[in-house]
Protein backbone atom coordinates (compact mmCIF):
# COMPACT_ATOMS: atom_id res chain seq x y z
CA MET A 1 259.76 125.83 130.52
CA SER A 2 261.21 122.48 131.51
CA GLN A 3 263.67 120.69 129.26
CA THR A 4 261.13 118.01 128.41
CA GLU A 5 258.48 120.47 127.23
CA ALA A 6 258.12 121.18 123.54
CA ALA A 7 259.22 124.60 122.42
CA PRO A 8 256.39 126.89 121.26
CA ASP A 9 257.82 127.15 117.74
CA GLY A 10 257.75 123.39 117.27
CA THR A 11 261.54 122.97 116.98
CA ASP A 12 261.56 120.29 119.69
CA SER A 13 259.30 118.06 117.60
CA MET A 14 259.85 116.31 114.30
CA VAL A 15 257.96 119.11 112.54
CA ASP A 16 258.21 122.87 113.01
CA TRP A 17 254.46 123.39 113.09
CA ASP A 18 254.60 127.19 113.08
CA LEU A 19 256.73 127.08 109.96
CA ALA A 20 254.34 124.54 108.44
CA LEU A 21 251.44 126.95 108.94
CA THR A 22 253.42 129.91 107.61
CA THR A 23 254.43 127.91 104.53
CA ALA A 24 250.87 126.76 103.90
CA ARG A 25 249.56 130.32 104.10
CA ARG A 26 252.17 131.52 101.62
CA LEU A 27 251.44 128.74 99.12
CA VAL A 28 247.65 128.49 99.39
CA ARG A 29 246.00 129.27 96.07
CA PRO A 30 243.53 132.18 96.04
CA GLY A 31 239.89 131.22 96.13
CA PRO A 32 237.28 132.05 93.46
CA ASP A 33 236.56 135.68 92.67
CA VAL A 34 233.17 136.38 94.23
CA SER A 35 231.28 139.48 95.32
CA VAL A 36 230.70 140.34 98.97
CA GLU A 37 227.06 139.29 98.65
CA GLU A 38 227.96 135.95 97.06
CA ALA A 39 230.53 135.22 99.75
CA ARG A 40 228.08 135.99 102.53
CA GLN A 41 225.47 133.77 100.90
CA VAL A 42 227.84 130.79 100.65
CA VAL A 43 228.76 131.06 104.32
CA SER A 44 225.15 131.58 105.39
CA ASP A 45 223.91 128.63 103.32
CA LEU A 46 226.56 126.26 104.67
CA ARG A 47 225.67 127.15 108.25
CA GLU A 48 221.95 126.75 107.59
CA PHE A 49 222.25 123.56 105.54
CA ALA A 50 224.59 121.91 108.06
CA GLN A 51 221.90 122.27 110.70
CA LYS A 52 219.18 121.12 108.30
CA ALA A 53 221.26 118.13 107.13
CA GLU A 54 221.74 116.94 110.70
CA GLY A 55 218.04 116.25 111.08
CA HIS A 56 217.87 114.37 107.77
CA VAL A 57 220.90 112.23 108.69
CA ARG A 58 219.61 111.30 112.13
CA ALA A 59 216.19 110.39 110.74
CA TYR A 60 217.69 108.23 107.99
CA THR A 61 220.30 106.43 110.11
CA GLY A 62 218.48 106.14 113.43
CA LEU A 63 221.61 107.45 115.18
CA ARG A 64 221.20 109.85 118.09
CA ALA A 65 223.82 111.95 119.88
CA THR A 66 224.74 110.64 123.32
CA GLY A 67 227.44 113.17 124.18
CA ALA A 68 228.34 116.78 123.59
CA ARG A 69 227.48 118.58 120.38
CA ALA A 70 230.29 119.08 117.86
CA PRO A 71 230.46 122.64 116.51
CA VAL A 72 230.21 123.43 112.80
CA VAL A 73 232.80 125.93 111.55
CA VAL A 74 232.80 127.51 108.08
CA VAL A 75 236.41 128.25 107.10
CA ASP A 76 238.52 129.56 104.26
CA ARG A 77 241.55 127.70 102.89
CA ASN A 78 243.92 129.26 105.42
CA GLY A 79 241.55 128.32 108.21
CA TRP A 80 241.46 124.72 107.01
CA ALA A 81 245.26 124.62 106.95
CA GLN A 82 245.44 126.01 110.48
CA ALA A 83 242.91 123.46 111.75
CA ASN A 84 244.96 120.62 110.28
CA VAL A 85 248.23 121.91 111.70
CA ASP A 86 246.52 121.91 115.11
CA ALA A 87 245.26 118.37 114.51
CA PHE A 88 248.59 116.99 113.26
CA ARG A 89 250.45 118.61 116.13
CA GLN A 90 248.18 116.82 118.60
CA ILE A 91 248.08 113.47 116.80
CA LEU A 92 251.86 113.26 116.34
CA GLU A 93 252.72 114.32 119.88
CA PRO A 94 253.25 110.67 121.01
CA LEU A 95 255.90 110.32 118.30
CA SER A 96 257.61 113.51 119.46
CA ASP A 97 257.51 112.22 123.04
CA LYS A 98 259.09 108.96 121.90
CA LEU A 99 261.83 110.85 120.08
CA ARG A 100 262.57 113.05 123.10
CA SER A 101 262.66 110.00 125.35
CA ARG A 102 265.10 108.23 123.02
CA ARG A 103 267.40 111.26 123.00
CA GLY A 104 267.03 111.87 126.75
CA GLY A 105 265.67 115.37 126.15
CA PRO A 106 265.06 117.95 123.44
CA ASP A 107 267.35 118.07 120.41
CA THR A 108 269.07 121.45 120.53
CA SER A 109 271.60 120.67 117.80
CA PRO A 110 271.64 122.65 114.54
CA MET A 111 270.79 119.46 112.60
CA GLY A 112 267.78 118.82 114.81
CA ALA A 113 266.44 122.32 114.21
CA LEU A 114 267.15 122.04 110.49
CA GLY A 115 265.33 118.70 110.25
CA SER A 116 262.19 120.02 111.92
CA ARG A 117 262.19 123.06 109.65
CA VAL A 118 262.56 120.93 106.52
CA THR A 119 259.61 118.76 107.55
CA GLY A 120 257.72 121.92 108.47
CA VAL A 121 258.11 123.30 104.95
CA GLU A 122 257.15 119.94 103.43
CA THR A 123 254.05 119.68 105.63
CA GLY A 124 253.04 123.24 104.81
CA ALA A 125 253.39 122.60 101.08
CA LEU A 126 251.25 119.48 101.36
CA LEU A 127 248.53 121.34 103.30
CA ALA A 128 248.58 124.15 100.73
CA PHE A 129 247.98 121.62 97.94
CA LEU A 130 245.15 119.88 99.79
CA SER A 131 243.52 123.13 100.99
CA SER A 132 241.98 123.72 97.57
CA LYS A 133 240.70 120.12 97.25
CA VAL A 134 238.69 119.60 100.45
CA LEU A 135 235.02 120.56 100.62
CA GLY A 136 234.51 119.55 104.23
CA GLN A 137 236.19 117.59 106.97
CA PHE A 138 235.23 116.27 110.38
CA ASP A 139 238.06 116.49 112.91
CA PRO A 140 237.12 113.94 115.60
CA PHE A 141 240.07 114.72 117.87
CA TRP A 142 239.56 118.45 118.36
CA SER A 143 238.38 119.46 121.80
CA ASP A 144 237.61 122.82 123.36
CA ASP A 145 239.81 121.65 126.25
CA ASP A 146 242.89 121.27 124.03
CA GLY A 147 243.69 124.96 124.04
CA GLY A 148 244.32 124.94 120.30
CA ALA A 149 244.09 128.03 118.17
CA THR A 150 240.67 129.20 117.10
CA VAL A 151 240.01 128.76 113.39
CA PRO A 152 238.76 131.90 111.63
CA GLU A 153 235.60 131.91 109.56
CA PRO A 154 235.16 133.76 106.25
CA ARG A 155 233.46 137.14 106.38
CA HIS A 156 233.25 139.61 103.48
CA SER A 157 235.01 137.44 100.94
CA VAL A 158 235.36 133.70 100.82
CA GLU A 159 239.05 134.12 101.71
CA GLU A 160 238.92 136.92 104.34
CA PRO A 161 239.12 135.63 107.94
CA VAL A 162 237.26 136.95 110.94
CA ASP A 163 238.05 136.82 114.60
CA SER A 164 236.68 133.63 116.13
CA THR A 165 234.38 130.65 116.00
CA HIS A 166 233.49 131.24 119.65
CA ASP A 167 231.18 133.71 121.27
CA GLY A 168 233.76 134.70 123.89
CA GLY A 169 232.64 132.06 126.34
CA ALA A 170 233.44 128.40 126.76
CA HIS A 171 230.79 127.12 124.37
CA PRO A 172 231.22 126.80 120.60
CA VAL A 173 228.76 128.65 118.40
CA ARG A 174 226.24 126.56 116.48
CA PRO A 175 225.54 127.13 112.77
CA ASP A 176 222.48 129.17 113.72
CA GLY A 177 224.57 131.41 115.97
CA ARG A 178 223.32 129.96 119.25
CA THR A 179 225.52 128.23 121.79
CA SER A 180 225.95 124.48 121.39
CA GLU A 181 224.12 122.20 123.74
CA LEU A 182 226.83 120.66 125.91
CA VAL A 183 226.62 117.79 128.32
CA PRO A 184 228.01 118.98 131.69
CA GLY A 185 231.61 117.88 132.14
CA MET A 186 232.01 116.80 128.49
CA ALA A 187 233.93 118.64 125.79
CA PRO A 188 232.59 118.76 122.22
CA ALA A 189 233.33 115.54 120.32
CA GLY A 190 235.31 117.07 117.48
CA ARG A 191 234.32 119.80 115.04
CA LEU A 192 233.04 119.94 111.47
CA LEU A 193 234.90 122.17 109.01
CA LEU A 194 233.21 123.34 105.80
CA VAL A 195 235.55 125.04 103.32
CA ALA A 196 233.52 127.84 101.74
CA PRO A 197 235.80 128.86 98.82
CA ASN A 198 236.15 125.26 97.63
CA VAL A 199 232.40 124.71 97.70
CA ALA A 200 231.91 127.92 95.69
CA HIS A 201 234.63 126.91 93.22
CA ILE A 202 233.39 123.37 92.59
CA GLU A 203 229.73 124.29 92.20
CA ARG A 204 230.75 126.81 89.54
CA GLU A 205 233.03 124.32 87.81
CA LEU A 206 230.29 121.68 87.71
CA GLY A 207 227.61 124.15 86.66
CA VAL A 208 225.11 122.87 89.24
CA ASN A 209 222.46 124.54 91.38
CA PRO A 210 224.42 126.24 94.20
CA GLN A 211 221.89 125.67 97.00
CA ASP A 212 221.41 122.03 96.03
CA PHE A 213 225.17 121.43 95.90
CA ARG A 214 225.75 123.06 99.29
CA LEU A 215 223.10 120.90 100.93
CA TRP A 216 224.53 117.83 99.18
CA VAL A 217 227.99 118.52 100.61
CA CYS A 218 226.52 119.10 104.06
CA LEU A 219 224.69 115.76 103.99
CA HIS A 220 227.94 113.85 103.56
CA GLU A 221 229.91 115.83 106.13
CA GLU A 222 227.07 115.91 108.66
CA THR A 223 226.97 112.12 108.54
CA HIS A 224 230.50 112.09 109.94
CA ARG A 225 229.50 114.51 112.69
CA VAL A 226 226.53 112.29 113.57
CA GLN A 227 228.70 109.16 113.54
CA PHE A 228 231.11 110.51 116.13
CA THR A 229 228.57 112.24 118.37
CA ALA A 230 226.28 109.19 118.39
CA VAL A 231 229.09 106.66 118.93
CA PRO A 232 231.10 108.02 121.89
CA TRP A 233 233.75 105.27 121.87
CA LEU A 234 234.64 105.78 118.19
CA ARG A 235 236.87 108.79 118.81
CA ASP A 236 238.96 107.06 121.49
CA HIS A 237 239.15 103.88 119.41
CA LEU A 238 240.65 105.72 116.44
CA ARG A 239 242.96 107.72 118.66
CA GLY A 240 244.18 104.48 120.23
CA GLN A 241 244.88 102.95 116.83
CA ILE A 242 246.85 106.01 115.74
CA LYS A 243 248.82 106.02 119.00
CA ALA A 244 249.65 102.33 118.54
CA PHE A 245 250.73 103.04 114.96
CA LEU A 246 253.08 105.80 116.09
CA GLU A 247 254.49 103.72 118.94
CA GLU A 248 255.54 101.12 116.38
CA THR A 249 257.52 103.68 114.41
CA ASP A 250 261.16 102.68 114.13
CA LEU A 251 263.33 105.72 114.90
CA ASP A 252 266.59 103.92 114.16
CA PRO A 253 268.40 106.08 111.58
CA SER A 254 269.33 103.11 109.36
CA ALA A 255 265.72 101.90 109.28
CA VAL A 256 264.42 105.38 108.46
CA PHE A 257 267.01 105.71 105.66
CA SER A 258 266.00 102.35 104.19
CA GLN A 259 262.31 103.27 104.23
CA LEU A 260 262.93 106.67 102.65
CA ARG A 261 265.06 105.06 99.94
CA GLN A 262 262.19 102.70 99.12
CA GLY A 263 259.87 105.69 99.09
CA LEU A 264 262.01 107.57 96.59
CA GLU A 265 262.10 104.50 94.37
CA GLN A 266 258.30 104.39 94.60
CA VAL A 267 258.06 108.02 93.50
CA GLY A 268 259.86 107.05 90.31
CA ARG A 269 257.58 104.08 89.68
CA ILE A 270 254.46 106.19 90.21
CA ALA A 271 255.80 108.85 87.86
CA ARG A 272 256.28 106.17 85.19
CA GLY A 273 252.73 104.92 85.69
CA GLY A 274 253.48 101.78 87.71
CA ASP A 275 252.21 100.49 91.08
CA GLN A 276 248.72 101.94 90.69
CA GLY A 277 247.51 100.54 94.00
CA VAL A 278 250.47 101.56 96.20
CA SER A 279 251.18 104.99 97.67
CA PHE A 280 254.22 106.44 99.37
CA ILE A 281 252.77 105.81 102.83
CA ASP A 282 252.50 102.08 102.16
CA LEU A 283 256.28 101.85 102.01
CA VAL A 284 257.11 103.42 105.36
CA GLN A 285 255.35 100.91 107.62
CA THR A 286 256.67 98.10 109.80
CA PRO A 287 254.74 94.79 109.70
CA ALA A 288 252.98 95.73 112.95
CA GLN A 289 252.04 99.10 111.50
CA ARG A 290 250.59 97.45 108.43
CA GLU A 291 248.21 95.46 110.65
CA ILE A 292 247.14 98.64 112.42
CA LEU A 293 246.79 100.46 109.11
CA ASP A 294 244.52 97.69 107.84
CA ARG A 295 242.22 98.19 110.85
CA VAL A 296 242.18 101.97 110.38
CA THR A 297 241.55 101.57 106.64
CA ALA A 298 238.54 99.35 107.38
CA VAL A 299 237.09 101.91 109.80
CA MET A 300 237.63 104.77 107.37
CA SER A 301 236.04 102.77 104.56
CA LEU A 302 233.03 102.17 106.80
CA LEU A 303 232.71 105.85 107.76
CA GLU A 304 233.17 107.20 104.23
CA GLY A 305 230.98 104.57 102.62
CA HIS A 306 228.24 105.09 105.20
CA ALA A 307 228.30 108.84 104.50
CA ASP A 308 227.96 108.23 100.77
CA VAL A 309 225.04 105.85 101.31
CA VAL A 310 223.27 108.36 103.56
CA MET A 311 223.90 111.14 101.04
CA ASP A 312 222.42 109.02 98.25
CA GLY A 313 219.52 107.89 100.43
CA VAL A 314 218.50 111.31 101.66
CA GLY A 315 219.47 113.30 98.58
CA PRO A 316 216.58 112.39 96.24
CA GLN A 317 214.08 113.36 98.94
CA VAL A 318 215.43 116.87 99.58
CA ILE A 319 217.68 117.84 96.63
CA PRO A 320 215.86 118.16 93.27
CA THR A 321 219.04 118.06 91.15
CA VAL A 322 220.92 115.39 93.12
CA ALA A 323 221.29 113.03 90.13
CA THR A 324 223.01 115.70 88.06
CA ILE A 325 225.27 116.68 90.96
CA ARG A 326 226.32 113.10 91.63
CA GLU A 327 227.06 112.36 87.97
CA ARG A 328 229.13 115.48 87.40
CA PHE A 329 230.96 115.15 90.70
CA GLN A 330 231.89 111.54 89.97
CA ASP A 331 233.24 112.55 86.56
CA ARG A 332 235.30 115.29 88.19
CA ARG A 333 236.88 112.89 90.72
CA GLY A 334 238.75 111.17 87.91
CA SER A 335 239.84 114.36 86.15
CA GLY A 336 242.64 116.85 86.79
CA ASN A 337 245.98 117.77 85.29
CA TRP A 338 248.91 115.37 85.40
CA ILE A 339 250.46 117.08 88.42
CA ASP A 340 247.26 116.68 90.43
CA GLN A 341 246.96 113.05 89.37
CA PHE A 342 250.59 112.33 90.26
CA LEU A 343 250.27 113.90 93.73
CA LYS A 344 246.99 112.13 94.41
CA ARG A 345 248.58 108.76 93.64
CA LEU A 346 251.74 109.57 95.57
CA LEU A 347 249.79 110.66 98.66
CA GLY A 348 247.34 107.78 98.49
CA LEU A 349 244.30 109.96 97.70
CA ASP A 350 243.20 107.42 95.10
CA ALA A 351 242.92 104.95 97.97
CA LYS A 352 240.44 107.31 99.63
CA LEU A 353 238.22 107.10 96.56
CA ARG A 354 238.31 103.31 96.88
CA GLN A 355 237.22 103.73 100.50
CA TYR A 356 234.08 105.54 99.33
CA ARG A 357 233.30 102.83 96.81
CA ASP A 358 234.12 99.74 98.90
CA GLY A 359 232.60 101.14 102.09
CA ALA A 360 229.38 102.09 100.36
CA ALA A 361 229.08 98.63 98.81
CA PHE A 362 229.59 97.07 102.27
CA VAL A 363 226.91 99.24 103.90
CA ARG A 364 224.36 98.59 101.15
CA ALA A 365 224.96 94.83 101.20
CA VAL A 366 224.59 94.61 104.98
CA VAL A 367 221.44 96.75 105.04
CA ASP A 368 219.95 94.58 102.28
CA GLN A 369 220.51 91.48 104.44
CA VAL A 370 219.75 92.60 107.99
CA GLY A 371 218.08 96.01 107.65
CA GLN A 372 219.10 99.36 109.11
CA GLU A 373 218.85 98.17 112.71
CA GLY A 374 220.95 95.15 111.93
CA PHE A 375 223.57 97.32 110.25
CA ASN A 376 223.62 99.69 113.23
CA GLN A 377 225.08 96.86 115.29
CA VAL A 378 228.36 98.04 113.78
CA TRP A 379 228.23 101.02 116.16
CA THR A 380 227.63 99.11 119.40
CA THR A 381 231.20 97.99 120.17
CA PRO A 382 234.68 98.14 118.58
CA GLU A 383 234.49 94.35 118.14
CA HIS A 384 231.62 94.86 115.67
CA LEU A 385 233.65 97.07 113.36
CA PRO A 386 234.38 95.33 110.04
CA THR A 387 237.85 94.11 109.24
CA LYS A 388 239.56 95.09 106.01
CA ALA A 389 238.67 91.68 104.57
CA GLU A 390 235.02 92.02 105.64
CA ILE A 391 234.69 95.37 103.87
CA THR A 392 234.90 93.44 100.60
CA ASP A 393 233.02 90.43 102.01
CA PRO A 394 229.91 91.78 103.79
CA ASP A 395 228.49 88.27 104.21
CA ALA A 396 231.42 87.44 106.48
CA TRP A 397 230.60 90.39 108.73
CA VAL A 398 226.93 89.41 108.87
CA ARG A 399 227.85 85.84 109.82
CA ARG A 400 230.23 87.00 112.54
CA VAL A 401 227.91 89.59 114.10
CA HIS A 402 224.43 88.15 113.37
CA GLY A 403 225.14 84.46 113.09
CA SER A 404 223.93 83.96 109.54
CA PRO A 405 222.43 86.02 106.69
CA SER A 406 218.67 86.39 106.92
């Protein structure tokens, strides 16, 4: 290993990723108590409904895949944590490279190792908290060429892992068990994770029809898979924005200390009920990063809002109890104990709920004015993506892209 290569245990980066994963696994809450038959049915339904939802989404949106298929993987909570450790490790690598370059090589000091372990524990604790909240997630940056660890799928219980999401060859397994259709020379454009124990837990908590709820979840998550497989430049665009964000990170110790001090002050204000619209992450950005974050926020609002609109558009046609599911799920989004509410505000998860709402309103307003084909102009080039201001002013986007509202 050369001196500029990262150590396998993650101690040459800002986060000890192996420790993060170990911590997450230790802290992950157990999933719901289900029988072997129930667990198998949840996993089987999610695989089947993901495939079924894909057809509904493509028919509704008019989007067609132009690149490689993205695999669908049903995971338990530990599997979700592992997938996100892999993703964070890859996304934050430019920041680790910048840190190594600034130091002139890896940090072998005791303080450097201690710092990466502290952040590893913090990251693992955060992933453990979120692992019980997420129903599904599309990871646009995963690639079969990355050499990342394979995420286990549930088998006999919703929490028990199995060996692999691959069939032993180079091609990911589709939800129906067959090999994905790959374009020669192209790696899969991300992967879709469906978290089986969380789906089982929430459908019980809401008291809704299990099969209807599973298909409902798949409709939203499949929309993200369709977005990225039908819009090949979207993945690289987001990756570029994240890289630019990380390159603007100020690694000067005094600047980092000042930002962390502001963050700690913000924790106190949030705990006292103040600053409802600001999260911890908002206070650790440079001005240049805030501009980048605005662009990323607009894209994420578009993607999440579009998925909600598709889910609401397709749902009544294929899910008999969709109205009940939507109503109870919306009520649940605003509930939770005070610890959950505090952490959601601190981590900016409330902002994600605003992305659903604002993005959906943008999509509906644009479709009302210029139709589905007119809205789909948003996918033709990065220049057609809405700005943060346009998300709340759809008319401005229509004027800029189409000339004037019809």
